[in-house]
Amino acid sequence: MERDLSHSSFPLWLELSGLPRKLNAEGKHPFAWTVFHRIVEEDLRQNVARPGIAELSVNQLAEACGLDTKKTRKAIGLLRKAGVMRVFLPENDEEQGCFQVITPIPTPRSSDEVRALHGSEFLEAQWPPRYAVDVAPESEGDRESRARKIERVSDLYLNTFSMRLNSLIVDELQLISDRYDLDLIEKVFQLAKRKDVRSLGWVASEIRREMAVRNKAVELRTQAAGNGE
């Protein structure tokens, strides 16, 4: 049977790149690749055209991988440490988290090396394959706008929670910046400051709650317009 090498199927080159063994061996966690694989599948489903931010809860991820939530969170932590994933998790396992595969993804063998070793597998494949190249904004203006937004979100964190940033926090703030509107982010950070909240996980939960309220308001306005009110 021929393999489906379209963007809607799991990228075969990752399976042949040495990454499965690397993820499981480095963290001494036999489920790291399984969890990574499931997150990639969700990214493929939610972001068909190009890699993006995938949303699913720890509970959903654990259920899909046949793991408990403790092992799932440990695997997620190992993926972050391995530098293959940016993650932003709320405190509650039932709430949606954000996951983003880092591109170009660091693999033991590059995509070109994989194709050189397994050329017959990639005769019909698009090249370069998904996750092998950067997906930064295309225009200079977009890049500058994104950088300004990330800087603003970082300032909000520093002014609200702490004057220290580590690499994991930077990744979380970048996900927040890429995923949500700036006015909503500012509103929630201001609320966190008033409430003396010290948890970035709380920010994630509150942003999603605010988004649900906004989406519901839009839905009601659309229904009202459709009914001629």
Protein backbone atom coordinates (compact mmCIF):
# COMPACT_ATOMS: atom_id res chain seq x y z
CA MET A 1 0.00 0.00 0.00
CA GLU A 2 1.33 3.50 -0.86
CA ARG A 3 1.92 5.88 2.03
CA ASP A 4 -0.05 9.11 2.23
CA LEU A 5 2.61 11.82 2.39
CA SER A 6 0.26 14.80 2.31
CA HIS A 7 0.31 17.42 5.05
CA SER A 8 -2.77 15.81 6.60
CA SER A 9 -0.82 12.67 7.54
CA PHE A 10 1.95 12.34 10.09
CA PRO A 11 5.27 13.43 8.55
CA LEU A 12 7.13 10.21 7.79
CA TRP A 13 10.52 11.92 7.88
CA LEU A 14 10.16 12.53 11.62
CA GLU A 15 9.71 8.81 12.25
CA LEU A 16 12.91 8.09 10.29
CA SER A 17 14.94 10.96 11.72
CA GLY A 18 15.98 9.25 14.94
CA LEU A 19 13.67 11.50 16.96
CA PRO A 20 11.49 8.69 18.44
CA ARG A 21 14.47 6.98 20.09
CA LYS A 22 16.02 10.31 21.09
CA LEU A 23 12.90 11.54 22.91
CA ASN A 24 12.30 8.28 24.75
CA ALA A 25 15.96 7.70 25.64
CA GLU A 26 16.99 11.19 26.76
CA GLY A 27 14.20 11.57 29.26
CA LYS A 28 14.11 7.91 30.22
CA HIS A 29 10.38 8.12 29.59
CA PRO A 30 9.01 5.45 27.20
CA PHE A 31 5.94 7.54 26.34
CA ALA A 32 7.58 10.83 25.29
CA TRP A 33 7.39 9.96 21.58
CA THR A 34 3.80 8.77 21.94
CA VAL A 35 2.75 12.07 23.48
CA PHE A 36 4.72 14.04 20.89
CA HIS A 37 3.13 12.03 18.09
CA ARG A 38 -0.38 12.77 19.38
CA ILE A 39 0.31 16.51 19.66
CA VAL A 40 1.62 16.58 16.10
CA GLU A 41 -1.52 14.79 14.91
CA GLU A 42 -3.61 17.45 16.62
CA ASP A 43 -1.56 20.22 15.00
CA LEU A 44 -2.13 18.58 11.62
CA ARG A 45 -5.86 18.50 12.29
CA GLN A 46 -6.19 22.04 13.62
CA ASN A 47 -3.61 23.74 11.37
CA VAL A 48 -3.80 22.06 7.99
CA ALA A 49 -1.88 24.55 5.87
CA ARG A 50 1.13 25.14 8.11
CA PRO A 51 2.26 24.37 11.68
CA GLY A 52 0.56 26.44 14.33
CA ILE A 53 -0.74 26.28 17.87
CA ALA A 54 -2.78 23.19 18.73
CA GLU A 55 -5.19 23.21 21.65
CA LEU A 56 -6.13 20.19 23.75
CA SER A 57 -6.31 19.40 27.43
CA VAL A 58 -4.00 17.19 29.46
CA ASN A 59 -6.98 14.89 30.04
CA GLN A 60 -7.61 14.57 26.29
CA LEU A 61 -3.93 13.93 25.63
CA ALA A 62 -3.69 11.36 28.41
CA GLU A 63 -6.78 9.52 27.19
CA ALA A 64 -5.53 9.42 23.60
CA CYS A 65 -2.14 8.07 24.70
CA GLY A 66 -3.48 5.59 27.26
CA LEU A 67 -1.65 7.31 30.13
CA ASP A 68 -2.55 8.90 33.43
CA THR A 69 -2.26 12.67 33.70
CA LYS A 70 0.86 12.54 35.87
CA LYS A 71 2.82 10.59 33.25
CA THR A 72 1.39 12.81 30.52
CA ARG A 73 2.56 15.99 32.25
CA LYS A 74 5.98 14.44 32.79
CA ALA A 75 6.22 13.61 29.09
CA ILE A 76 5.18 17.16 28.17
CA GLY A 77 7.92 18.50 30.42
CA LEU A 78 10.46 16.28 28.70
CA LEU A 79 9.35 17.52 25.28
CA ARG A 80 9.88 21.09 26.43
CA LYS A 81 13.31 20.23 27.83
CA ALA A 82 14.27 18.49 24.58
CA GLY A 83 13.53 21.71 22.69
CA VAL A 84 10.90 20.24 20.37
CA MET A 85 7.77 21.82 21.85
CA ARG A 86 6.49 25.08 23.30
CA VAL A 87 3.75 24.49 25.85
CA PHE A 88 1.34 26.62 27.83
CA LEU A 89 -0.73 24.62 30.30
CA PRO A 90 -3.47 25.81 32.64
CA GLU A 91 -3.49 24.42 36.16
CA ASN A 92 -6.62 22.31 35.56
CA ASP A 93 -6.12 19.14 33.50
CA GLU A 94 -9.60 19.56 32.00
CA GLU A 95 -8.87 22.96 30.44
CA GLN A 96 -7.36 23.39 27.00
CA GLY A 97 -3.62 23.91 26.81
CA CYS A 98 -1.57 25.29 23.92
CA PHE A 99 1.10 23.25 22.13
CA GLN A 100 3.43 24.37 19.35
CA VAL A 101 6.07 22.26 17.63
CA ILE A 102 9.31 24.24 17.39
CA THR A 103 10.40 24.62 13.77
CA PRO A 104 12.81 23.80 12.36
CA ILE A 105 12.57 20.90 14.76
CA PRO A 106 15.92 19.59 16.07
CA THR A 107 16.28 15.99 14.96
CA PRO A 108 19.28 13.62 14.98
CA ARG A 109 19.06 13.42 11.19
CA SER A 110 17.87 16.34 9.06
CA SER A 111 15.02 15.98 6.59
CA ASP A 112 17.50 16.01 3.69
CA GLU A 113 19.57 13.28 5.33
CA VAL A 114 16.43 11.20 5.81
CA ARG A 115 15.49 11.62 2.15
CA ALA A 116 19.01 10.64 1.08
CA LEU A 117 18.73 7.43 3.11
CA HIS A 118 15.12 6.63 2.18
CA GLY A 119 14.69 8.28 -1.20
CA SER A 120 12.01 5.90 -2.48
CA GLU A 121 9.71 6.89 0.40
CA PHE A 122 9.66 10.55 -0.62
CA LEU A 123 9.35 10.54 -4.41
CA GLU A 124 5.93 12.22 -4.27
CA ALA A 125 6.43 14.22 -1.09
CA GLN A 126 6.39 18.01 -0.91
CA TRP A 127 9.79 19.36 0.05
CA PRO A 128 10.94 20.72 2.40
CA PRO A 129 8.53 18.76 4.60
CA ARG A 130 6.44 20.07 7.48
CA TYR A 131 8.45 21.04 10.59
CA ALA A 132 11.76 21.05 8.67
CA VAL A 133 11.83 24.82 8.05
CA ASP A 134 10.97 27.95 10.02
CA VAL A 135 7.37 29.21 9.91
CA ALA A 136 8.11 32.78 11.00
CA PRO A 137 5.90 35.58 9.61
CA GLU A 138 6.57 36.07 5.92
CA SER A 139 6.97 39.85 5.73
CA GLU A 140 9.34 42.15 7.60
CA GLY A 141 6.37 44.14 8.86
CA ASP A 142 4.75 41.01 10.30
CA ARG A 143 7.98 40.03 12.03
CA GLU A 144 8.37 43.47 13.59
CA SER A 145 4.74 43.51 14.72
CA ARG A 146 5.09 40.06 16.28
CA ALA A 147 8.30 41.08 18.06
CA ARG A 148 6.63 44.19 19.51
CA LYS A 149 3.68 42.16 20.74
CA ILE A 150 5.90 39.56 22.40
CA GLU A 151 7.89 42.34 24.06
CA ARG A 152 4.67 43.89 25.39
CA VAL A 153 3.45 40.55 26.79
CA SER A 154 6.84 39.98 28.42
CA ASP A 155 6.61 43.43 30.04
CA LEU A 156 3.16 42.56 31.36
CA TYR A 157 4.55 39.41 32.96
CA LEU A 158 7.51 41.24 34.50
CA ASN A 159 5.28 43.99 35.89
CA THR A 160 2.71 41.54 37.25
CA PHE A 161 4.53 38.44 38.46
CA SER A 162 8.30 38.59 38.53
CA MET A 163 11.37 40.44 37.34
CA ARG A 164 12.94 37.18 36.21
CA LEU A 165 12.38 35.21 33.01
CA ASN A 166 13.61 31.72 32.16
CA SER A 167 13.41 29.89 28.84
CA LEU A 168 10.21 28.03 29.74
CA ILE A 169 8.43 31.25 30.75
CA VAL A 170 9.62 32.92 27.55
CA ASP A 171 8.12 30.06 25.52
CA GLU A 172 4.82 30.34 27.41
CA LEU A 173 4.66 34.09 26.86
CA GLN A 174 5.38 33.63 23.17
CA LEU A 175 2.50 31.18 22.90
CA ILE A 176 0.18 33.60 24.68
CA SER A 177 1.27 36.38 22.35
CA ASP A 178 0.83 34.30 19.20
CA ARG A 179 -2.52 32.83 20.21
CA TYR A 180 -4.53 35.68 21.77
CA ASP A 181 -5.43 39.30 21.01
CA LEU A 182 -3.31 41.86 22.84
CA ASP A 183 -6.26 43.70 24.36
CA LEU A 184 -7.48 40.47 25.94
CA ILE A 185 -4.01 39.61 27.25
CA GLU A 186 -3.65 43.07 28.78
CA LYS A 187 -7.07 42.85 30.40
CA VAL A 188 -6.30 39.51 32.07
CA PHE A 189 -2.85 40.57 33.30
CA GLN A 190 -4.37 43.71 34.80
CA LEU A 191 -6.99 41.56 36.51
CA ALA A 192 -4.27 39.25 37.84
CA LYS A 193 -2.44 42.24 39.28
CA ARG A 194 -5.58 43.53 41.04
CA LYS A 195 -6.29 40.09 42.47
CA ASP A 196 -2.63 39.58 43.44
CA VAL A 197 -2.53 36.34 41.43
CA ARG A 198 0.92 34.75 41.07
CA SER A 199 0.17 32.00 38.58
CA LEU A 200 0.62 32.12 34.81
CA GLY A 201 -1.64 29.06 34.68
CA TRP A 202 -4.41 31.22 36.14
CA VAL A 203 -3.85 33.68 33.30
CA ALA A 204 -4.37 30.85 30.80
CA SER A 205 -7.64 29.82 32.42
CA GLU A 206 -8.92 33.39 32.66
CA ILE A 207 -8.05 34.17 29.04
CA ARG A 208 -10.03 31.15 27.91
CA ARG A 209 -12.96 32.18 30.12
CA GLU A 210 -12.90 35.69 28.66
CA MET A 211 -12.73 34.26 25.15
CA ALA A 212 -15.76 32.09 25.85
CA VAL A 213 -17.69 35.15 27.02
CA ARG A 214 -16.70 37.09 23.92
CA ASN A 215 -17.54 34.24 21.57
CA LYS A 216 -20.93 33.83 23.21
CA ALA A 217 -21.66 37.54 22.79
CA VAL A 218 -20.74 37.34 19.10
CA GLU A 219 -22.95 34.29 18.69
CA LEU A 220 -25.92 36.06 20.29
CA ARG A 221 -25.43 39.15 18.10
CA THR A 222 -25.26 36.98 15.00
CA GLN A 223 -28.44 35.15 15.98
CA ALA A 224 -30.20 38.43 16.67
CA ALA A 225 -29.14 39.81 13.28
CA GLY A 226 -30.36 36.65 11.59
CA ASN A 227 -33.73 37.01 13.29
CA GLY A 228 -34.01 40.63 12.19
CA GLU A 229 -33.96 42.00 15.73
